[in-house]
C-alpha atoms as a PDB file:
ATOM      1  CA  MET A   1      95.880  93.110 147.450  1.00  0.00           C
ATOM      2  CA  VAL A   2      92.320  93.397 146.203  1.00  0.00           C
ATOM      3  CA  ARG A   3      91.750  93.093 142.482  1.00  0.00           C
ATOM      4  CA  ASP A   4      89.234  95.262 140.744  1.00  0.00           C
ATOM      5  CA  PRO A   5      86.715  92.873 139.130  1.00  0.00           C
ATOM      6  CA  SER A   6      86.028  95.328 136.300  1.00  0.00           C
ATOM      7  CA  LYS A   7      89.637  95.030 135.095  1.00  0.00           C
ATOM      8  CA  LEU A   8      89.317  91.264 134.843  1.00  0.00           C
ATOM      9  CA  SER A   9      86.249  91.605 132.667  1.00  0.00           C
ATOM     10  CA  ASP A  10      88.040  94.214 130.531  1.00  0.00           C
ATOM     11  CA  LYS A  11      90.701  91.707 129.550  1.00  0.00           C
ATOM     12  CA  LYS A  12      88.067  89.028 129.120  1.00  0.00           C
ATOM     13  CA  TRP A  13      86.217  91.231 126.639  1.00  0.00           C
ATOM     14  CA  GLY A  14      89.452  91.982 124.780  1.00  0.00           C
ATOM     15  CA  MET A  15      89.796  95.635 125.693  1.00  0.00           C
ATOM     16  CA  THR A  16      93.128  97.162 124.775  1.00  0.00           C
ATOM     17  CA  PRO A  17      95.212  99.099 127.291  1.00  0.00           C
ATOM     18  CA  LEU A  18      94.211 102.277 125.459  1.00  0.00           C
ATOM     19  CA  LEU A  19      90.511 101.547 125.948  1.00  0.00           C
ATOM     20  CA  MET A  20      91.080 100.635 129.586  1.00  0.00           C
ATOM     21  CA  ALA A  21      92.929 103.930 130.145  1.00  0.00           C
ATOM     22  CA  ALA A  22      90.031 105.825 128.594  1.00  0.00           C
ATOM     23  CA  ARG A  23      87.585 103.992 130.814  1.00  0.00           C
ATOM     24  CA  GLU A  24      89.621 104.798 133.914  1.00  0.00           C
ATOM     25  CA  GLY A  25      89.505 108.517 133.172  1.00  0.00           C
ATOM     26  CA  TYR A  26      92.769 109.228 131.403  1.00  0.00           C
ATOM     27  CA  GLY A  27      90.977 110.855 128.476  1.00  0.00           C
ATOM     28  CA  ALA A  28      93.559 113.565 127.799  1.00  0.00           C
ATOM     29  CA  LEU A  29      96.357 111.012 127.551  1.00  0.00           C
ATOM     30  CA  VAL A  30      94.282 108.814 125.262  1.00  0.00           C
ATOM     31  CA  ARG A  31      93.509 111.821 123.051  1.00  0.00           C
ATOM     32  CA  LYS A  32      97.214 112.686 122.757  1.00  0.00           C
ATOM     33  CA  ILE A  33      98.119 109.111 121.849  1.00  0.00           C
ATOM     34  CA  LEU A  34      95.421 108.942 119.185  1.00  0.00           C
ATOM     35  CA  ILE A  35      96.449 112.293 117.683  1.00  0.00           C
ATOM     36  CA  VAL A  36     100.067 111.151 117.440  1.00  0.00           C
ATOM     37  CA  GLN A  37      98.962 107.927 115.737  1.00  0.00           C
ATOM     38  CA  ILE A  38      96.904 109.875 113.190  1.00  0.00           C
ATOM     39  CA  VAL A  39      99.760 112.285 112.447  1.00  0.00           C
ATOM     40  CA  VAL A  40     102.267 109.448 112.010  1.00  0.00           C
ATOM     41  CA  LYS A  41      99.905 107.599 109.651  1.00  0.00           C
ATOM     42  CA  LYS A  42      99.368 110.801 107.656  1.00  0.00           C
ATOM     43  CA  TRP A  43     103.130 111.375 107.331  1.00  0.00           C
ATOM     44  CA  THR A  44     103.631 107.804 106.189  1.00  0.00           C
ATOM     45  CA  LYS A  45     100.912 108.150 103.546  1.00  0.00           C
ATOM     46  CA  GLU A  46     102.341 111.472 102.338  1.00  0.00           C
ATOM     47  CA  GLU A  47     105.825 109.962 102.071  1.00  0.00           C
ATOM     48  CA  GLN A  48     104.442 107.029 100.071  1.00  0.00           C
ATOM     49  CA  ILE A  49     102.561 109.380  97.726  1.00  0.00           C
ATOM     50  CA  VAL A  50     105.636 111.563  97.158  1.00  0.00           C
ATOM     51  CA  LYS A  51     107.785 108.495  96.480  1.00  0.00           C
ATOM     52  CA  LEU A  52     105.228 107.143  94.002  1.00  0.00           C
ATOM     53  CA  LEU A  53     104.976 110.494  92.202  1.00  0.00           C
ATOM     54  CA  LYS A  54     108.771 110.703  91.905  1.00  0.00           C
ATOM     55  CA  GLU A  55     108.876 107.215  90.401  1.00  0.00           C
ATOM     56  CA  ILE A  56     106.145 108.109  87.902  1.00  0.00           C
ATOM     57  CA  VAL A  57     107.925 111.313  86.863  1.00  0.00           C
ATOM     58  CA  ASN A  58     111.243 109.484  86.487  1.00  0.00           C
ATOM     59  CA  GLU A  59     109.588 106.877  84.262  1.00  0.00           C
ATOM     60  CA  GLU A  60     107.939 109.565  82.124  1.00  0.00           C
ATOM     61  CA  VAL A  61     111.220 111.423  81.696  1.00  0.00           C
ATOM     62  CA  ALA A  62     113.039 108.197  80.840  1.00  0.00           C
ATOM     63  CA  GLU A  63     110.493 107.471  78.094  1.00  0.00           C
ATOM     64  CA  LYS A  64     110.992 110.846  76.375  1.00  0.00           C
ATOM     65  CA  SER A  65     113.132 110.817  73.277  1.00  0.00           C
ATOM     66  CA  VAL A  66     116.304 112.829  73.288  1.00  0.00           C
ATOM     67  CA  ARG A  67     116.824 115.171  70.373  1.00  0.00           C
ATOM     68  CA  PRO A  68     120.361 116.248  69.651  1.00  0.00           C
ATOM     69  CA  ILE A  69     120.940 119.965  69.776  1.00  0.00           C
ATOM     70  CA  GLY A  70     122.767 121.245  66.746  1.00  0.00           C
ATOM     71  CA  LEU A  71     125.561 123.457  67.993  1.00  0.00           C
ATOM     72  CA  THR A  72     127.481 125.440  65.481  1.00  0.00           C
ATOM     73  CA  THR A  73     131.100 126.013  66.226  1.00  0.00           C
ATOM     74  CA  ILE A  74     132.083 129.649  66.104  1.00  0.00           C
ATOM     75  CA  THR A  75     135.689 130.176  65.269  1.00  0.00           C
ATOM     76  CA  ALA A  76     137.847 132.986  66.578  1.00  0.00           C
ATOM     77  CA  GLU A  77     138.277 134.332  63.044  1.00  0.00           C
ATOM     78  CA  SER A  78     134.544 134.695  62.500  1.00  0.00           C
ATOM     79  CA  LEU A  79     134.237 136.503  65.832  1.00  0.00           C
ATOM     80  CA  GLU A  80     136.999 138.908  64.799  1.00  0.00           C
ATOM     81  CA  LYS A  81     135.237 139.601  61.511  1.00  0.00           C
ATOM     82  CA  THR A  82     131.921 140.387  63.220  1.00  0.00           C
ATOM     83  CA  ARG A  83     133.626 142.589  65.807  1.00  0.00           C
ATOM     84  CA  CYS A  84     135.285 144.828  63.195  1.00  0.00           C
END
């Protein structure tokens, strides 16, 4: 088995498997992998932003004062009087 000397130097220079695949001509595969990584990072950031916004809104609502609503009780007799 003959080893390709360029692959030895790739590891020596610290190239990642993704960079080695790109160098060997698997550009379409590399592109797909990178796109998936970007999309996953974007989703994660969006989820973090939504979670943070929900926490902020919950804190703001919790800080609001609650005013009691004055409900008047309407009796059946008063309803009968207004109906007639």
